[in-house]
Each structure stands twice: as C-alpha cells, then as structure tokens.
C-alpha cells in the first residue's frame, strides 16, 4: 500500500472562498472593486494575444517606473500570492529554514510548508503594538535560516514597519547570508506618504506587491516581485512551470490602470477616509474590543476582551448577516480582522451589527 500523501492547502483561503460571504462583508481586506466602466478602456486598446516572452514590455516598464528600479528587477506575477510563491521557491531549497512573523497571513506559512521548508516563527505581540522587534528576530533566527518573511503593512493588523526597523532585520539576515521577503500589498494604501519599496533598502531584500488590495483592481491579478536581476531571472523561469503566459487582455488593462493610477488612488483614498472615520468612532465606543490603530490601510485586528472569537464570528454571520475574519487563521484566536474597504454604507451597517452582536454576547454572560 502506498503511503498517504500529505495534503497541503490554505485553510484561510478555503474559508474565504466558501464561508466568508455575508450581506455585510467585512471579511474582505481590499478596496471595493473598481467597475470596468471607470477605466478609460476602448475596445481597440485590447487584444487577447500578445508577445510570447517574459513579461509584457509596456507593463514591466510601468511597474519599474512605479518602483524606481530597473526593468530587469521586475517580475510580473498573478497577484501577490503567486509573487510570494515565486520568491520563496527561488530562494529556498527543501529543508531550508524560513523565519516568518506571527501572526501573519496564513497562506505565507502554507506556501513555505508546500515548498518543504523548515518553518520557524518570530512574534509580533499585541502588547507591543504588533511592531517588529529586531531582538525577537535575532532570538528566533539560526545559522540554517535562508529567508525571513514579513508583511508591511502587517497582515492582519495593518501596522506599518518603519524603514529603520526593516534595515535592522536586513542586517541580521545578511550576517547569515539570508534574504528578507517583504509582502507590501497593503503598503499601497498609504496614500498620504511617499511609497518606497523595501527592495531598495538592501541587496538582500525582495519585495512583492500588487494592485489588488488598495485600488479595487483584484480582477487584473497584476502582481509583481522586485528582486536582483539574476534572482528575477530565476523567478521568470520558475513561472514557466505554473503559468507560461499571462492573459494578455489583463496585461493591457493593467497598463491602462497604471497610467491612471493617481485617479484610481484618489477614489480609494476618499473611500477609506470615510470608512476609517466610521471605524475609529466605532472602536472608540467599544470597551470590549481592544485595538491597535494603524496609521493607514484597509484592516484592523482588535482583540475581544471576552476571549476566543470563533463562536462570536459564527453568530455574527448567522444572526447578523455580517462577516469578519476569525483570528484563528492568523494564530491569534481571541482577535478578529475587520476589513473596511467596502462601500461606506456596507461598512457603516456592518460595524453596527458587530456592535449588536457584541451586546448580545455580553447579555448572555
């Protein structure tokens, strides 16, 4: 009898696809979808077949200009998830050690497991405002560590890591010949500060991102990796095993989106400003939710003072038609992740229903 094969999957992504839907969905972490009608697209701008090469040159040029890096440092990928997969696969061999923040986006851990890496964790503690502490990185790292992984803005809390801290992490990694991978998909939502990728902080940095979360452009699957040219070339070759070619219409639409990104960003900024004000007022009114307030972004990760959140999340969805993400998917079961990128009336009503659910929970105690 052949041995049973180990199943590796993302339990969070599975939950998000099958069990997060609700009338008032505050489980989604991105800005509300931008309708195609709001992109200045003409039929003659689109073709379904393009050049058969490593990337669509106009798209790579725009991504490179956006990041302020040479084109040779850019790898186009199908969203940030594939960008992270390519980066990890290019940097790790089976049984290599990877050090990942905790809590973090569950799919990062699942990808490392799929690639056969030995996984170690370093904590980002609620009591420390979920900030990265380089001393914790030093405690957790070992001579076998080949890659350190973190998210910025932090997923799930939305907290931003200063460049000075990232540089310290980079120096720790460099002392062991390791790289640092920074998932920057939510950093795009820092509309009031200049955007600079962590890739530019040192030669051992690799950064990933996409247009999905901050701009409402998830359907384009326009993701990227920023890496040293030789490493970028390795990722392009690895991608031949997965996708070979990107849908050309999506490439062309991504070029159009990047050419009009300032207008798209203004829409997102306005929406988030209104929704973040609602969220701040709501959190200020609740003594049963303890939250670290992030300076920007689309999510917050409060702690329920009553303990584990799973039962509350289920009641909230079944009785109040509202969904949030249970903290167990990030390894912190007493927290919930609230996303506020949706339409303002949806966010307003969803927050109200979270309050009603918490009141009902308190009444039972």
Foldseek 3Di string as FASTA:
>chain_A
DDDDDDDFDQPQVVCVVPPQAFPQGQADFFAAADDPVPFPDDPVLFDQDDDQDQDDVLLLVLVCVLQVHDSLQKHWDQAQLRVLLLLDLLQDAAAFEEEEEFLAQLSSVSSCVVRNYHYWYFYQDVVNLSEDDVVSVLVTDDLRHAEYEAEACGPPARAGYDLVVVLSNQVSQVVSNHAYEYEYAFVVFPVVDDDHDNVVSDQRYKYKYACPGQQNPSVLSTIMMGHDSVSSVSSSVVCCVPPSDDRRRSSSSSSSCSVVVVVSNVVSNVQQVLQVVLVVVLVVVDPQWAWNDHPTGFKHKTFGNVFFCPVLQVCLCPVVRYHWAACVSSPGRRITMGGRNYGNVSSNSNSVSSVVSVVVVVVVD
